[in-house]
Amino acid sequence: VVARQRMFNLVVTNVPGPQFALYMMGRKLEGLFPMVPLAPNQALGIAIMSYDGTINFGLVGDFDLMADLDDLADDLHASLAELAKAAGVEVAKPKAAARRGRRRPAGSNGHKPGRRIGSTSTVTASGDADE
């Protein structure tokens, strides 16, 4: 028996989520990011998950195989906006996110030495945050 890579480079999955708000320790889950882990030689994973009356898309890509993932995300949003307009519904604005990939300065891995990682707030058992 010879094992070999399957002949695909894209996975798309749709997971129906709860159509009501979820809470943990009194805090509402505001949003989620659906994700498909990539297999070796797989270029793109698209996950779609509904939650509390919304549909969320998660795009995960291998930069070496697909360097224009951010362009695909922009095109997907534009297409969804066009579809929503035709259907008479609104599309939420995408949250501003830093561009990913190899657009940072050469020789930099994005780490800023000396900067604190994490938070200084503490969450108590009642869910209150202490600053």
Protein backbone atom coordinates (compact mmCIF):
# COMPACT_ATOMS: atom_id res chain seq x y z
CA VAL A 1 0.00 0.00 0.00
CA VAL A 2 1.41 3.35 -1.03
CA ALA A 3 0.32 6.49 0.81
CA ARG A 4 0.25 9.70 -1.17
CA GLN A 5 -1.17 13.19 -1.07
CA ARG A 6 -4.77 13.45 -2.15
CA MET A 7 -5.27 15.58 -5.23
CA PHE A 8 -6.94 18.62 -3.68
CA ASN A 9 -5.75 21.92 -2.29
CA LEU A 10 -9.00 23.45 -1.02
CA VAL A 11 -11.38 22.46 1.79
CA VAL A 12 -14.71 24.22 2.36
CA THR A 13 -16.87 23.34 5.33
CA ASN A 14 -20.16 24.70 6.67
CA VAL A 15 -21.01 24.17 10.33
CA PRO A 16 -24.42 25.30 11.56
CA GLY A 17 -24.03 26.92 14.95
CA PRO A 18 -26.54 27.92 17.62
CA GLN A 19 -29.04 30.59 16.57
CA PHE A 20 -29.08 32.08 20.06
CA ALA A 21 -26.45 33.92 22.09
CA LEU A 22 -24.02 31.90 24.19
CA TYR A 23 -22.68 33.10 27.54
CA MET A 24 -19.80 32.15 29.80
CA MET A 25 -19.53 33.51 33.33
CA GLY A 26 -22.16 36.12 32.46
CA ARG A 27 -20.28 37.38 29.39
CA LYS A 28 -21.84 37.13 25.93
CA LEU A 29 -19.89 35.54 23.11
CA GLU A 30 -19.70 38.44 20.66
CA GLY A 31 -18.29 36.61 17.65
CA LEU A 32 -16.27 33.66 16.48
CA PHE A 33 -13.68 32.69 13.88
CA PRO A 34 -14.36 29.38 12.15
CA MET A 35 -11.16 27.60 11.10
CA VAL A 36 -10.07 24.63 9.03
CA PRO A 37 -6.59 23.27 9.80
CA LEU A 38 -4.48 22.89 6.68
CA ALA A 39 -3.03 19.53 5.63
CA PRO A 40 0.39 19.34 3.95
CA ASN A 41 0.31 20.85 0.43
CA GLN A 42 -3.15 22.27 1.02
CA ALA A 43 -3.41 25.91 -0.09
CA LEU A 44 -6.70 27.12 1.36
CA GLY A 45 -9.33 26.28 3.96
CA ILE A 46 -12.65 28.09 4.07
CA ALA A 47 -14.87 27.53 7.11
CA ILE A 48 -18.39 28.91 7.37
CA MET A 49 -20.30 28.91 10.66
CA SER A 50 -23.56 30.51 11.66
CA TYR A 51 -24.09 31.98 15.12
CA ASP A 52 -26.90 34.03 16.65
CA GLY A 53 -28.33 35.24 13.32
CA THR A 54 -24.97 35.84 11.60
CA ILE A 55 -22.81 33.91 9.17
CA ASN A 56 -19.05 33.95 9.78
CA PHE A 57 -16.32 33.08 7.29
CA GLY A 58 -12.83 31.97 8.22
CA LEU A 59 -10.10 31.85 5.58
CA VAL A 60 -6.82 30.08 6.37
CA GLY A 61 -4.12 29.78 3.74
CA ASP A 62 -0.55 28.67 3.17
CA PHE A 63 1.34 31.81 2.12
CA ASP A 64 3.83 29.82 0.04
CA LEU A 65 1.00 28.37 -2.04
CA MET A 66 -1.38 31.35 -1.99
CA ALA A 67 0.19 34.73 -1.27
CA ASP A 68 -2.96 36.71 -2.14
CA LEU A 69 -5.25 35.44 0.64
CA ASP A 70 -6.06 38.99 1.77
CA ASP A 71 -7.16 39.84 -1.79
CA LEU A 72 -9.43 36.78 -1.79
CA ALA A 73 -10.95 37.90 1.54
CA ASP A 74 -11.61 41.39 0.12
CA ASP A 75 -13.21 39.88 -3.01
CA LEU A 76 -15.34 37.52 -0.89
CA HIS A 77 -16.60 40.44 1.19
CA ALA A 78 -17.41 42.47 -1.95
CA SER A 79 -19.34 39.52 -3.42
CA LEU A 80 -21.28 39.00 -0.20
CA ALA A 81 -22.11 42.72 -0.09
CA GLU A 82 -23.43 42.51 -3.67
CA LEU A 83 -25.52 39.44 -2.80
CA ALA A 84 -26.84 41.08 0.38
CA LYS A 85 -27.83 44.22 -1.52
CA ALA A 86 -29.80 42.11 -4.02
CA ALA A 87 -31.48 40.31 -1.10
CA GLY A 88 -32.22 43.55 0.75
CA VAL A 89 -30.16 42.78 3.85
CA GLU A 90 -27.11 44.43 5.41
CA VAL A 91 -23.62 43.00 5.65
CA ALA A 92 -21.56 43.78 8.73
CA LYS A 93 -18.39 45.75 8.06
CA PRO A 94 -15.27 43.59 8.37
CA LYS A 95 -13.20 44.38 11.44
CA ALA A 96 -9.95 46.11 10.62
CA ALA A 97 -7.16 43.58 10.81
CA ALA A 98 -3.48 43.86 10.18
CA ARG A 99 -2.45 42.48 6.84
CA ARG A 100 -0.78 39.13 7.14
CA GLY A 101 1.91 37.49 5.12
CA ARG A 102 5.31 38.74 4.08
CA ARG A 103 4.53 42.42 3.93
CA ARG A 104 6.54 43.32 7.03
CA PRO A 105 10.09 44.67 6.71
CA ALA A 106 12.78 42.20 5.65
CA GLY A 107 14.59 40.68 8.61
CA SER A 108 11.66 41.25 10.98
CA ASN A 109 9.48 38.52 12.42
CA GLY A 110 7.03 41.02 13.89
CA HIS A 111 8.31 40.61 17.46
CA LYS A 112 9.10 43.80 19.35
CA PRO A 113 11.76 43.02 21.98
CA GLY A 114 11.09 44.41 25.43
CA ARG A 115 7.32 44.70 24.97
CA ARG A 116 5.12 43.03 27.53
CA ILE A 117 3.03 40.14 26.29
CA GLY A 118 -0.36 39.60 27.90
CA SER A 119 -2.58 41.67 30.11
CA THR A 120 -2.30 43.27 33.51
CA SER A 121 -5.98 42.83 34.37
CA THR A 122 -7.26 40.04 36.57
CA VAL A 123 -10.65 38.41 36.22
CA THR A 124 -12.28 37.31 39.46
CA ALA A 125 -14.63 34.39 39.93
CA SER A 126 -17.58 36.81 39.68
CA GLY A 127 -16.37 37.91 36.25
CA ASP A 128 -15.33 41.41 37.33
CA ALA A 129 -12.08 42.73 35.88
CA ASP A 130 -9.52 44.38 38.15
CA GLU A 131 -7.19 46.90 36.53
